[in-house]
PDB file of N, CA and C in Angstrom:
ATOM      1  N   MET A   1     -21.981  -0.217  36.188  1.00  0.00           N
ATOM      2  CA  MET A   1     -21.043   0.416  35.316  1.00  0.00           C
ATOM      3  C   MET A   1     -20.736  -0.522  34.151  1.00  0.00           C
ATOM      4  N   THR A   2     -20.851  -0.002  32.922  1.00  0.00           N
ATOM      5  CA  THR A   2     -20.597  -0.840  31.758  1.00  0.00           C
ATOM      6  C   THR A   2     -19.143  -0.720  31.330  1.00  0.00           C
ATOM      7  N   GLU A   3     -18.635  -1.838  30.886  1.00  0.00           N
ATOM      8  CA  GLU A   3     -17.244  -1.877  30.440  1.00  0.00           C
ATOM      9  C   GLU A   3     -17.193  -1.551  28.949  1.00  0.00           C
ATOM     10  N   VAL A   4     -16.329  -0.655  28.580  1.00  0.00           N
ATOM     11  CA  VAL A   4     -16.159  -0.288  27.186  1.00  0.00           C
ATOM     12  C   VAL A   4     -14.990  -1.081  26.627  1.00  0.00           C
ATOM     13  N   LYS A   5     -15.266  -1.806  25.568  1.00  0.00           N
ATOM     14  CA  LYS A   5     -14.216  -2.593  24.938  1.00  0.00           C
ATOM     15  C   LYS A   5     -13.707  -1.845  23.712  1.00  0.00           C
ATOM     16  N   GLU A   6     -12.393  -1.761  23.614  1.00  0.00           N
ATOM     17  CA  GLU A   6     -11.791  -1.125  22.449  1.00  0.00           C
ATOM     18  C   GLU A   6     -11.721  -2.124  21.322  1.00  0.00           C
ATOM     19  N   LYS A   7     -12.018  -1.638  20.127  1.00  0.00           N
ATOM     20  CA  LYS A   7     -11.918  -2.478  18.947  1.00  0.00           C
ATOM     21  C   LYS A   7     -10.578  -2.178  18.278  1.00  0.00           C
ATOM     22  N   THR A   8      -9.787  -3.201  18.105  1.00  0.00           N
ATOM     23  CA  THR A   8      -8.493  -3.044  17.470  1.00  0.00           C
ATOM     24  C   THR A   8      -8.628  -3.467  16.013  1.00  0.00           C
ATOM     25  N   ILE A   9      -8.211  -2.577  15.127  1.00  0.00           N
ATOM     26  CA  ILE A   9      -8.238  -2.892  13.705  1.00  0.00           C
ATOM     27  C   ILE A   9      -6.805  -3.096  13.249  1.00  0.00           C
ATOM     28  N   ILE A  10      -6.542  -4.270  12.730  1.00  0.00           N
ATOM     29  CA  ILE A  10      -5.223  -4.590  12.229  1.00  0.00           C
ATOM     30  C   ILE A  10      -5.149  -4.143  10.771  1.00  0.00           C
ATOM     31  N   THR A  11      -4.151  -3.353  10.455  1.00  0.00           N
ATOM     32  CA  THR A  11      -4.003  -2.943   9.071  1.00  0.00           C
ATOM     33  C   THR A  11      -3.327  -4.065   8.296  1.00  0.00           C
ATOM     34  N   PRO A  12      -3.795  -4.322   7.080  1.00  0.00           N
ATOM     35  CA  PRO A  12      -3.271  -5.463   6.323  1.00  0.00           C
ATOM     36  C   PRO A  12      -1.891  -5.226   5.726  1.00  0.00           C
ATOM     37  N   ILE A  13      -1.448  -3.968   5.697  1.00  0.00           N
ATOM     38  CA  ILE A  13      -0.153  -3.660   5.111  1.00  0.00           C
ATOM     39  C   ILE A  13       0.672  -2.816   6.073  1.00  0.00           C
ATOM     40  N   THR A  14       1.966  -2.725   5.792  1.00  0.00           N
ATOM     41  CA  THR A  14       2.867  -1.885   6.577  1.00  0.00           C
ATOM     42  C   THR A  14       3.524  -0.886   5.641  1.00  0.00           C
ATOM     43  N   LEU A  15       3.557   0.357   6.058  1.00  0.00           N
ATOM     44  CA  LEU A  15       4.302   1.397   5.357  1.00  0.00           C
ATOM     45  C   LEU A  15       5.460   1.792   6.262  1.00  0.00           C
ATOM     46  N   THR A  16       6.679   1.685   5.775  1.00  0.00           N
ATOM     47  CA  THR A  16       7.827   2.058   6.598  1.00  0.00           C
ATOM     48  C   THR A  16       7.874   3.577   6.750  1.00  0.00           C
ATOM     49  N   ASP A  17       8.686   4.042   7.686  1.00  0.00           N
ATOM     50  CA  ASP A  17       8.847   5.481   7.882  1.00  0.00           C
ATOM     51  C   ASP A  17       9.353   6.156   6.611  1.00  0.00           C
ATOM     52  N   GLY A  18      10.260   5.494   5.907  1.00  0.00           N
ATOM     53  CA  GLY A  18      10.776   6.040   4.649  1.00  0.00           C
ATOM     54  C   GLY A  18       9.687   6.178   3.596  1.00  0.00           C
ATOM     55  N   ALA A  19       8.806   5.172   3.512  1.00  0.00           N
ATOM     56  CA  ALA A  19       7.699   5.228   2.553  1.00  0.00           C
ATOM     57  C   ALA A  19       6.723   6.345   2.925  1.00  0.00           C
ATOM     58  N   ILE A  20       6.397   6.461   4.209  1.00  0.00           N
ATOM     59  CA  ILE A  20       5.485   7.522   4.664  1.00  0.00           C
ATOM     60  C   ILE A  20       6.063   8.892   4.328  1.00  0.00           C
ATOM     61  N   LYS A  21       7.345   9.071   4.582  1.00  0.00           N
ATOM     62  CA  LYS A  21       7.995  10.356   4.312  1.00  0.00           C
ATOM     63  C   LYS A  21       7.911  10.703   2.820  1.00  0.00           C
ATOM     64  N   GLN A  22       8.224   9.745   1.962  1.00  0.00           N
ATOM     65  CA  GLN A  22       8.199   9.990   0.522  1.00  0.00           C
ATOM     66  C   GLN A  22       6.770  10.194   0.016  1.00  0.00           C
ATOM     67  N   LEU A  23       5.827   9.420   0.517  1.00  0.00           N
ATOM     68  CA  LEU A  23       4.428   9.560   0.099  1.00  0.00           C
ATOM     69  C   LEU A  23       3.862  10.909   0.529  1.00  0.00           C
ATOM     70  N   THR A  24       4.213  11.350   1.721  1.00  0.00           N
ATOM     71  CA  THR A  24       3.775  12.666   2.197  1.00  0.00           C
ATOM     72  C   THR A  24       4.344  13.761   1.310  1.00  0.00           C
ATOM     73  N   LYS A  25       5.597  13.617   0.933  1.00  0.00           N
ATOM     74  CA  LYS A  25       6.247  14.584   0.045  1.00  0.00           C
ATOM     75  C   LYS A  25       5.532  14.639  -1.309  1.00  0.00           C
ATOM     76  N   ILE A  26       5.214  13.495  -1.873  1.00  0.00           N
ATOM     77  CA  ILE A  26       4.511  13.428  -3.155  1.00  0.00           C
ATOM     78  C   ILE A  26       3.130  14.060  -3.039  1.00  0.00           C
ATOM     79  N   ARG A  27       2.399  13.716  -1.979  1.00  0.00           N
ATOM     80  CA  ARG A  27       1.057  14.272  -1.773  1.00  0.00           C
ATOM     81  C   ARG A  27       1.109  15.798  -1.666  1.00  0.00           C
ATOM     82  N   ASP A  28       2.084  16.301  -0.922  1.00  0.00           N
ATOM     83  CA  ASP A  28       2.221  17.749  -0.760  1.00  0.00           C
ATOM     84  C   ASP A  28       2.616  18.431  -2.069  1.00  0.00           C
ATOM     85  N   GLU A  29       3.556  17.826  -2.805  1.00  0.00           N
ATOM     86  CA  GLU A  29       4.001  18.398  -4.082  1.00  0.00           C
ATOM     87  C   GLU A  29       2.868  18.458  -5.103  1.00  0.00           C
ATOM     88  N   GLN A  30       1.986  17.451  -5.073  1.00  0.00           N
ATOM     89  CA  GLN A  30       0.871  17.410  -6.012  1.00  0.00           C
ATOM     90  C   GLN A  30      -0.336  18.192  -5.502  1.00  0.00           C
ATOM     91  N   ASN A  31      -0.215  18.739  -4.280  1.00  0.00           N
ATOM     92  CA  ASN A  31      -1.276  19.563  -3.685  1.00  0.00           C
ATOM     93  C   ASN A  31      -2.638  18.846  -3.721  1.00  0.00           C
ATOM     94  N   LEU A  32      -2.645  17.591  -3.281  1.00  0.00           N
ATOM     95  CA  LEU A  32      -3.860  16.777  -3.311  1.00  0.00           C
ATOM     96  C   LEU A  32      -4.783  17.131  -2.151  1.00  0.00           C
ATOM     97  N   PRO A  33      -6.095  17.134  -2.392  1.00  0.00           N
ATOM     98  CA  PRO A  33      -7.046  17.426  -1.310  1.00  0.00           C
ATOM     99  C   PRO A  33      -7.109  16.297  -0.284  1.00  0.00           C
ATOM    100  N   GLU A  34      -7.646  16.599   0.892  1.00  0.00           N
ATOM    101  CA  GLU A  34      -7.775  15.620   1.978  1.00  0.00           C
ATOM    102  C   GLU A  34      -8.614  14.411   1.581  1.00  0.00           C
ATOM    103  N   SER A  35      -9.496  14.572   0.582  1.00  0.00           N
ATOM    104  CA  SER A  35     -10.368  13.467   0.167  1.00  0.00           C
ATOM    105  C   SER A  35      -9.582  12.343  -0.514  1.00  0.00           C
ATOM    106  N   HIS A  36      -8.363  12.605  -0.936  1.00  0.00           N
ATOM    107  CA  HIS A  36      -7.545  11.585  -1.599  1.00  0.00           C
ATOM    108  C   HIS A  36      -6.777  10.766  -0.565  1.00  0.00           C
ATOM    109  N   GLY A  37      -6.705   9.483  -0.824  1.00  0.00           N
ATOM    110  CA  GLY A  37      -5.924   8.589   0.006  1.00  0.00           C
ATOM    111  C   GLY A  37      -4.959   7.808  -0.869  1.00  0.00           C
ATOM    112  N   LEU A  38      -4.086   7.079  -0.243  1.00  0.00           N
ATOM    113  CA  LEU A  38      -3.130   6.249  -0.962  1.00  0.00           C
ATOM    114  C   LEU A  38      -3.810   4.945  -1.353  1.00  0.00           C
ATOM    115  N   ARG A  39      -3.913   4.700  -2.654  1.00  0.00           N
ATOM    116  CA  ARG A  39      -4.500   3.442  -3.125  1.00  0.00           C
ATOM    117  C   ARG A  39      -3.387   2.405  -3.271  1.00  0.00           C
ATOM    118  N   VAL A  40      -3.594   1.266  -2.607  1.00  0.00           N
ATOM    119  CA  VAL A  40      -2.695   0.125  -2.707  1.00  0.00           C
ATOM    120  C   VAL A  40      -3.513  -1.025  -3.248  1.00  0.00           C
ATOM    121  N   GLY A  41      -3.030  -1.653  -4.306  1.00  0.00           N
ATOM    122  CA  GLY A  41      -3.788  -2.745  -4.893  1.00  0.00           C
ATOM    123  C   GLY A  41      -2.940  -3.557  -5.842  1.00  0.00           C
ATOM    124  N   VAL A  42      -3.614  -4.411  -6.603  1.00  0.00           N
ATOM    125  CA  VAL A  42      -2.968  -5.237  -7.611  1.00  0.00           C
ATOM    126  C   VAL A  42      -3.794  -5.172  -8.890  1.00  0.00           C
ATOM    127  N   LYS A  43      -3.134  -5.461  -9.996  1.00  0.00           N
ATOM    128  CA  LYS A  43      -3.832  -5.594 -11.274  1.00  0.00           C
ATOM    129  C   LYS A  43      -3.143  -6.687 -12.065  1.00  0.00           C
ATOM    130  N   GLY A  44      -3.890  -7.294 -12.963  1.00  0.00           N
ATOM    131  CA  GLY A  44      -3.319  -8.333 -13.803  1.00  0.00           C
ATOM    132  C   GLY A  44      -2.293  -7.739 -14.739  1.00  0.00           C
ATOM    133  N   GLY A  45      -1.236  -8.485 -15.000  1.00  0.00           N
ATOM    134  CA  GLY A  45      -0.194  -8.012 -15.901  1.00  0.00           C
ATOM    135  C   GLY A  45       1.156  -8.062 -15.238  1.00  0.00           C
ATOM    136  N   GLY A  46       2.135  -7.581 -15.932  1.00  0.00           N
ATOM    137  CA  GLY A  46       3.494  -7.659 -15.409  1.00  0.00           C
ATOM    138  C   GLY A  46       4.101  -8.994 -15.791  1.00  0.00           C
ATOM    139  N   CYS A  47       5.386  -9.101 -15.672  1.00  0.00           N
ATOM    140  CA  CYS A  47       6.070 -10.312 -16.142  1.00  0.00           C
ATOM    141  C   CYS A  47       5.815 -11.536 -15.268  1.00  0.00           C
ATOM    142  N   SER A  48       5.272 -11.357 -14.065  1.00  0.00           N
ATOM    143  CA  SER A  48       5.003 -12.513 -13.199  1.00  0.00           C
ATOM    144  C   SER A  48       3.518 -12.772 -12.976  1.00  0.00           C
ATOM    145  N   GLY A  49       2.637 -11.997 -13.574  1.00  0.00           N
ATOM    146  CA  GLY A  49       1.199 -12.252 -13.460  1.00  0.00           C
ATOM    147  C   GLY A  49       0.402 -11.118 -12.868  1.00  0.00           C
ATOM    148  N   PHE A  50       0.878 -10.507 -11.789  1.00  0.00           N
ATOM    149  CA  PHE A  50       0.221  -9.363 -11.153  1.00  0.00           C
ATOM    150  C   PHE A  50       1.232  -8.237 -11.003  1.00  0.00           C
ATOM    151  N   SER A  51       0.747  -7.011 -11.046  1.00  0.00           N
ATOM    152  CA  SER A  51       1.614  -5.888 -10.714  1.00  0.00           C
ATOM    153  C   SER A  51       0.918  -5.044  -9.657  1.00  0.00           C
ATOM    154  N   TYR A  52       1.696  -4.287  -8.931  1.00  0.00           N
ATOM    155  CA  TYR A  52       1.179  -3.494  -7.821  1.00  0.00           C
ATOM    156  C   TYR A  52       0.608  -2.165  -8.311  1.00  0.00           C
ATOM    157  N   ILE A  53      -0.404  -1.702  -7.605  1.00  0.00           N
ATOM    158  CA  ILE A  53      -0.972  -0.375  -7.800  1.00  0.00           C
ATOM    159  C   ILE A  53      -0.574   0.440  -6.573  1.00  0.00           C
ATOM    160  N   LEU A  54      -0.003   1.603  -6.784  1.00  0.00           N
ATOM    161  CA  LEU A  54       0.369   2.492  -5.696  1.00  0.00           C
ATOM    162  C   LEU A  54       0.231   3.914  -6.219  1.00  0.00           C
ATOM    163  N   GLY A  55      -0.744   4.641  -5.690  1.00  0.00           N
ATOM    164  CA  GLY A  55      -0.964   6.014  -6.116  1.00  0.00           C
ATOM    165  C   GLY A  55      -2.097   6.634  -5.335  1.00  0.00           C
ATOM    166  N   PHE A  56      -2.265   7.923  -5.478  1.00  0.00           N
ATOM    167  CA  PHE A  56      -3.317   8.621  -4.743  1.00  0.00           C
ATOM    168  C   PHE A  56      -4.607   8.613  -5.549  1.00  0.00           C
ATOM    169  N   ASP A  57      -5.728   8.445  -4.837  1.00  0.00           N
ATOM    170  CA  ASP A  57      -7.025   8.274  -5.481  1.00  0.00           C
ATOM    171  C   ASP A  57      -8.122   8.670  -4.495  1.00  0.00           C
ATOM    172  N   THR A  58      -9.341   8.734  -4.994  1.00  0.00           N
ATOM    173  CA  THR A  58     -10.499   8.962  -4.128  1.00  0.00           C
ATOM    174  C   THR A  58     -11.120   7.617  -3.772  1.00  0.00           C
ATOM    175  N   GLN A  59     -11.878   7.597  -2.702  1.00  0.00           N
ATOM    176  CA  GLN A  59     -12.499   6.373  -2.218  1.00  0.00           C
ATOM    177  C   GLN A  59     -13.542   5.867  -3.208  1.00  0.00           C
ATOM    178  N   LYS A  60     -13.543   4.545  -3.405  1.00  0.00           N
ATOM    179  CA  LYS A  60     -14.521   3.866  -4.251  1.00  0.00           C
ATOM    180  C   LYS A  60     -15.437   3.016  -3.369  1.00  0.00           C
ATOM    181  N   GLU A  61     -16.519   2.536  -3.951  1.00  0.00           N
ATOM    182  CA  GLU A  61     -17.545   1.810  -3.204  1.00  0.00           C
ATOM    183  C   GLU A  61     -17.033   0.553  -2.507  1.00  0.00           C
ATOM    184  N   ASN A  62     -16.147  -0.192  -3.137  1.00  0.00           N
ATOM    185  CA  ASN A  62     -15.676  -1.472  -2.577  1.00  0.00           C
ATOM    186  C   ASN A  62     -14.385  -1.355  -1.779  1.00  0.00           C
ATOM    187  N   ASP A  63     -14.039  -0.156  -1.352  1.00  0.00           N
ATOM    188  CA  ASP A  63     -12.784   0.056  -0.639  1.00  0.00           C
ATOM    189  C   ASP A  63     -12.912  -0.154   0.861  1.00  0.00           C
ATOM    190  N   ASP A  64     -11.848  -0.713   1.438  1.00  0.00           N
ATOM    191  CA  ASP A  64     -11.629  -0.635   2.874  1.00  0.00           C
ATOM    192  C   ASP A  64     -10.716   0.553   3.087  1.00  0.00           C
ATOM    193  N   ILE A  65     -10.868   1.233   4.217  1.00  0.00           N
ATOM    194  CA  ILE A  65     -10.045   2.400   4.516  1.00  0.00           C
ATOM    195  C   ILE A  65      -9.281   2.139   5.801  1.00  0.00           C
ATOM    196  N   PHE A  66      -7.997   2.428   5.769  1.00  0.00           N
ATOM    197  CA  PHE A  66      -7.135   2.266   6.931  1.00  0.00           C
ATOM    198  C   PHE A  66      -6.351   3.547   7.130  1.00  0.00           C
ATOM    199  N   GLU A  67      -5.906   3.774   8.333  1.00  0.00           N
ATOM    200  CA  GLU A  67      -4.977   4.868   8.580  1.00  0.00           C
ATOM    201  C   GLU A  67      -3.695   4.262   9.115  1.00  0.00           C
ATOM    202  N   ILE A  68      -2.605   4.541   8.414  1.00  0.00           N
ATOM    203  CA  ILE A  68      -1.310   4.001   8.789  1.00  0.00           C
ATOM    204  C   ILE A  68      -0.356   5.172   8.969  1.00  0.00           C
ATOM    205  N   ASN A  69       0.065   5.393  10.202  1.00  0.00           N
ATOM    206  CA  ASN A  69       0.978   6.499  10.531  1.00  0.00           C
ATOM    207  C   ASN A  69       0.511   7.828   9.949  1.00  0.00           C
ATOM    208  N   GLY A  70      -0.789   8.094  10.055  1.00  0.00           N
ATOM    209  CA  GLY A  70      -1.337   9.360   9.573  1.00  0.00           C
ATOM    210  C   GLY A  70      -1.671   9.374   8.092  1.00  0.00           C
ATOM    211  N   MET A  71      -1.389   8.294   7.372  1.00  0.00           N
ATOM    212  CA  MET A  71      -1.666   8.212   5.939  1.00  0.00           C
ATOM    213  C   MET A  71      -2.966   7.435   5.726  1.00  0.00           C
ATOM    214  N   LYS A  72      -3.929   8.062   5.047  1.00  0.00           N
ATOM    215  CA  LYS A  72      -5.179   7.384   4.702  1.00  0.00           C
ATOM    216  C   LYS A  72      -4.891   6.427   3.547  1.00  0.00           C
ATOM    217  N   VAL A  73      -5.202   5.140   3.752  1.00  0.00           N
ATOM    218  CA  VAL A  73      -4.909   4.102   2.772  1.00  0.00           C
ATOM    219  C   VAL A  73      -6.214   3.477   2.298  1.00  0.00           C
ATOM    220  N   LEU A  74      -6.353   3.375   0.987  1.00  0.00           N
ATOM    221  CA  LEU A  74      -7.534   2.781   0.357  1.00  0.00           C
ATOM    222  C   LEU A  74      -7.129   1.455  -0.289  1.00  0.00           C
ATOM    223  N   MET A  75      -7.943   0.429  -0.072  1.00  0.00           N
ATOM    224  CA  MET A  75      -7.676  -0.863  -0.690  1.00  0.00           C
ATOM    225  C   MET A  75      -8.997  -1.536  -1.040  1.00  0.00           C
ATOM    226  N   GLU A  76      -9.118  -1.969  -2.273  1.00  0.00           N
ATOM    227  CA  GLU A  76     -10.299  -2.711  -2.681  1.00  0.00           C
ATOM    228  C   GLU A  76     -10.338  -4.014  -1.887  1.00  0.00           C
ATOM    229  N   LYS A  77     -11.512  -4.338  -1.346  1.00  0.00           N
ATOM    230  CA  LYS A  77     -11.649  -5.512  -0.471  1.00  0.00           C
ATOM    231  C   LYS A  77     -11.079  -6.783  -1.103  1.00  0.00           C
ATOM    232  N   ALA A  78     -11.309  -6.986  -2.383  1.00  0.00           N
ATOM    233  CA  ALA A  78     -10.873  -8.207  -3.063  1.00  0.00           C
ATOM    234  C   ALA A  78      -9.352  -8.305  -3.186  1.00  0.00           C
ATOM    235  N   HIS A  79      -8.633  -7.210  -3.020  1.00  0.00           N
ATOM    236  CA  HIS A  79      -7.181  -7.229  -3.175  1.00  0.00           C
ATOM    237  C   HIS A  79      -6.459  -7.669  -1.909  1.00  0.00           C
ATOM    238  N   ALA A  80      -7.166  -7.673  -0.789  1.00  0.00           N
ATOM    239  CA  ALA A  80      -6.531  -7.991   0.496  1.00  0.00           C
ATOM    240  C   ALA A  80      -5.872  -9.365   0.497  1.00  0.00           C
ATOM    241  N   ILE A  81      -6.461 -10.337  -0.185  1.00  0.00           N
ATOM    242  CA  ILE A  81      -5.898 -11.692  -0.207  1.00  0.00           C
ATOM    243  C   ILE A  81      -4.483 -11.698  -0.793  1.00  0.00           C
ATOM    244  N   TYR A  82      -4.202 -10.786  -1.713  1.00  0.00           N
ATOM    245  CA  TYR A  82      -2.880 -10.720  -2.344  1.00  0.00           C
ATOM    246  C   TYR A  82      -1.905  -9.831  -1.584  1.00  0.00           C
ATOM    247  N   LEU A  83      -2.441  -8.948  -0.738  1.00  0.00           N
ATOM    248  CA  LEU A  83      -1.606  -7.929  -0.108  1.00  0.00           C
ATOM    249  C   LEU A  83      -1.446  -8.071   1.400  1.00  0.00           C
ATOM    250  N   LEU A  84      -2.143  -9.007   2.013  1.00  0.00           N
ATOM    251  CA  LEU A  84      -2.092  -9.165   3.459  1.00  0.00           C
ATOM    252  C   LEU A  84      -0.655  -9.405   3.924  1.00  0.00           C
ATOM    253  N   GLY A  85      -0.157  -8.520   4.766  1.00  0.00           N
ATOM    254  CA  GLY A  85       1.181  -8.658   5.316  1.00  0.00           C
ATOM    255  C   GLY A  85       2.274  -7.964   4.520  1.00  0.00           C
ATOM    256  N   ILE A  86       1.936  -7.320   3.421  1.00  0.00           N
ATOM    257  CA  ILE A  86       2.945  -6.667   2.576  1.00  0.00           C
ATOM    258  C   ILE A  86       3.560  -5.463   3.291  1.00  0.00           C
ATOM    259  N   GLU A  87       4.839  -5.261   3.051  1.00  0.00           N
ATOM    260  CA  GLU A  87       5.536  -4.082   3.560  1.00  0.00           C
ATOM    261  C   GLU A  87       5.978  -3.250   2.364  1.00  0.00           C
ATOM    262  N   ILE A  88       5.609  -1.974   2.374  1.00  0.00           N
ATOM    263  CA  ILE A  88       6.016  -1.051   1.324  1.00  0.00           C
ATOM    264  C   ILE A  88       7.061  -0.125   1.915  1.00  0.00           C
ATOM    265  N   ASP A  89       8.190  -0.045   1.240  1.00  0.00           N
ATOM    266  CA  ASP A  89       9.317   0.743   1.717  1.00  0.00           C
ATOM    267  C   ASP A  89       9.783   1.674   0.603  1.00  0.00           C
ATOM    268  N   TRP A  90      10.575   2.658   0.974  1.00  0.00           N
ATOM    269  CA  TRP A  90      11.211   3.567   0.016  1.00  0.00           C
ATOM    270  C   TRP A  90      12.711   3.395   0.138  1.00  0.00           C
ATOM    271  N   LEU A  91      13.361   3.079  -0.970  1.00  0.00           N
ATOM    272  CA  LEU A  91      14.806   2.928  -0.985  1.00  0.00           C
ATOM    273  C   LEU A  91      15.428   4.068  -1.764  1.00  0.00           C
ATOM    274  N   GLU A  92      16.511   4.559  -1.243  1.00  0.00           N
ATOM    275  CA  GLU A  92      17.243   5.611  -1.947  1.00  0.00           C
ATOM    276  C   GLU A  92      18.716   5.292  -1.823  1.00  0.00           C
ATOM    277  N   GLY A  93      19.240   4.674  -2.868  1.00  0.00           N
ATOM    278  CA  GLY A  93      20.638   4.278  -2.858  1.00  0.00           C
ATOM    279  C   GLY A  93      21.296   4.571  -4.190  1.00  0.00           C
ATOM    280  N   LEU A  94      22.531   4.140  -4.325  1.00  0.00           N
ATOM    281  CA  LEU A  94      23.266   4.383  -5.567  1.00  0.00           C
ATOM    282  C   LEU A  94      22.690   3.594  -6.734  1.00  0.00           C
ATOM    283  N   ASN A  95      22.275   2.359  -6.489  1.00  0.00           N
ATOM    284  CA  ASN A  95      21.774   1.510  -7.562  1.00  0.00           C
ATOM    285  C   ASN A  95      20.254   1.515  -7.692  1.00  0.00           C
ATOM    286  N   ASN A  96      19.558   1.733  -6.601  1.00  0.00           N
ATOM    287  CA  ASN A  96      18.100   1.677  -6.614  1.00  0.00           C
ATOM    288  C   ASN A  96      17.511   2.897  -5.932  1.00  0.00           C
ATOM    289  N   ARG A  97      16.421   3.380  -6.485  1.00  0.00           N
ATOM    290  CA  ARG A  97      15.671   4.453  -5.844  1.00  0.00           C
ATOM    291  C   ARG A  97      14.210   4.241  -6.201  1.00  0.00           C
ATOM    292  N   GLY A  98      13.373   4.082  -5.192  1.00  0.00           N
ATOM    293  CA  GLY A  98      11.954   3.891  -5.448  1.00  0.00           C
ATOM    294  C   GLY A  98      11.299   3.056  -4.370  1.00  0.00           C
ATOM    295  N   PHE A  99      10.018   2.800  -4.585  1.00  0.00           N
ATOM    296  CA  PHE A  99       9.245   1.999  -3.645  1.00  0.00           C
ATOM    297  C   PHE A  99       9.536   0.527  -3.873  1.00  0.00           C
ATOM    298  N   THR A 100       9.632  -0.214  -2.771  1.00  0.00           N
ATOM    299  CA  THR A 100       9.817  -1.660  -2.849  1.00  0.00           C
ATOM    300  C   THR A 100       8.646  -2.337  -2.152  1.00  0.00           C
ATOM    301  N   PHE A 101       8.338  -3.543  -2.589  1.00  0.00           N
ATOM    302  CA  PHE A 101       7.203  -4.302  -2.076  1.00  0.00           C
ATOM    303  C   PHE A 101       7.708  -5.638  -1.562  1.00  0.00           C
ATOM    304  N   ASN A 102       7.625  -5.838  -0.247  1.00  0.00           N
ATOM    305  CA  ASN A 102       8.013  -7.103   0.363  1.00  0.00           C
ATOM    306  C   ASN A 102       6.718  -7.853   0.674  1.00  0.00           C
ATOM    307  N   ASN A 103       6.353  -8.762  -0.220  1.00  0.00           N
ATOM    308  CA  ASN A 103       5.055  -9.428  -0.150  1.00  0.00           C
ATOM    309  C   ASN A 103       5.219 -10.897   0.245  1.00  0.00           C
ATOM    310  N   PRO A 104       4.766 -11.266   1.456  1.00  0.00           N
ATOM    311  CA  PRO A 104       4.892 -12.662   1.889  1.00  0.00           C
ATOM    312  C   PRO A 104       3.975 -13.613   1.122  1.00  0.00           C
ATOM    313  N   ASN A 105       3.000 -13.088   0.371  1.00  0.00           N
ATOM    314  CA  ASN A 105       2.071 -13.925  -0.393  1.00  0.00           C
ATOM    315  C   ASN A 105       2.591 -14.260  -1.784  1.00  0.00           C
ATOM    316  N   ALA A 106       3.641 -13.598  -2.219  1.00  0.00           N
ATOM    317  CA  ALA A 106       4.164 -13.803  -3.564  1.00  0.00           C
ATOM    318  C   ALA A 106       4.910 -15.128  -3.644  1.00  0.00           C
ATOM    319  N   LYS A 107       4.512 -15.954  -4.596  1.00  0.00           N
ATOM    320  CA  LYS A 107       5.204 -17.225  -4.805  1.00  0.00           C
ATOM    321  C   LYS A 107       6.429 -17.015  -5.689  1.00  0.00           C
ATOM    322  N   ASP A 108       6.352 -15.992  -6.545  1.00  0.00           N
ATOM    323  CA  ASP A 108       7.457 -15.691  -7.429  1.00  0.00           C
ATOM    324  C   ASP A 108       7.418 -14.197  -7.737  1.00  0.00           C
ATOM    325  N   THR A 109       8.564 -13.590  -7.902  1.00  0.00           N
ATOM    326  CA  THR A 109       8.626 -12.171  -8.258  1.00  0.00           C
ATOM    327  C   THR A 109       9.541 -12.022  -9.471  1.00  0.00           C
ATOM    328  N   CYS A 110       9.424 -10.879 -10.114  1.00  0.00           N
ATOM    329  CA  CYS A 110      10.283 -10.619 -11.269  1.00  0.00           C
ATOM    330  C   CYS A 110      11.502  -9.827 -10.818  1.00  0.00           C
ATOM    331  N   GLY A 111      12.432  -9.632 -11.716  1.00  0.00           N
ATOM    332  CA  GLY A 111      13.648  -8.916 -11.401  1.00  0.00           C
ATOM    333  C   GLY A 111      13.425  -7.451 -11.056  1.00  0.00           C
ATOM    334  N   CYS A 112      12.366  -6.855 -11.625  1.00  0.00           N
ATOM    335  CA  CYS A 112      12.129  -5.426 -11.359  1.00  0.00           C
ATOM    336  C   CYS A 112      11.472  -5.201 -10.010  1.00  0.00           C
ATOM    337  N   GLY A 113      10.892  -6.241  -9.396  1.00  0.00           N
ATOM    338  CA  GLY A 113      10.312  -6.127  -8.073  1.00  0.00           C
ATOM    339  C   GLY A 113       8.940  -5.510  -8.031  1.00  0.00           C
ATOM    340  N   THR A 114       8.331  -5.256  -9.194  1.00  0.00           N
ATOM    341  CA  THR A 114       7.004  -4.643  -9.201  1.00  0.00           C
ATOM    342  C   THR A 114       5.923  -5.587  -9.695  1.00  0.00           C
ATOM    343  N   SER A 115       6.257  -6.830  -9.982  1.00  0.00           N
ATOM    344  CA  SER A 115       5.226  -7.796 -10.319  1.00  0.00           C
ATOM    345  C   SER A 115       5.508  -9.116  -9.600  1.00  0.00           C
ATOM    346  N   PHE A 116       4.443  -9.910  -9.458  1.00  0.00           N
ATOM    347  CA  PHE A 116       4.565 -11.148  -8.680  1.00  0.00           C
ATOM    348  C   PHE A 116       3.497 -12.137  -9.133  1.00  0.00           C
ATOM    349  N   SER A 117       3.648 -13.383  -8.729  1.00  0.00           N
ATOM    350  CA  SER A 117       2.602 -14.388  -8.915  1.00  0.00           C
ATOM    351  C   SER A 117       2.179 -14.869  -7.541  1.00  0.00           C
ATOM    352  N   ALA A 118       0.914 -15.265  -7.457  1.00  0.00           N
ATOM    353  CA  ALA A 118       0.368 -15.707  -6.166  1.00  0.00           C
ATOM    354  C   ALA A 118      -0.101 -17.135  -6.234  1.00  0.00           C
TER     355      ALA A 118
END
């Protein structure tokens, strides 16, 4: 009898329940097809050097694909070094409303919370 070993894939990012709820709402409102996933990434720019990419997109050649709480997540392989361990949350309060990025790799962040340096 052969033993079957399960392969565990660790997702590099965390989406909170609040973020999943809001992202699902956005996906449904925009009536996006199943082929679209949530793209999480970084790009040069912003007041601290890098800014976050968060939006729905189709899979590209250099993407890794993850499923987090039922949400298909796309991330370019090269971006993982900047995003490993990041938590994306949705805040809805009197002073702030929107997605927040808690990035343990960021050496410095700006006041708006959407750009960082690594």
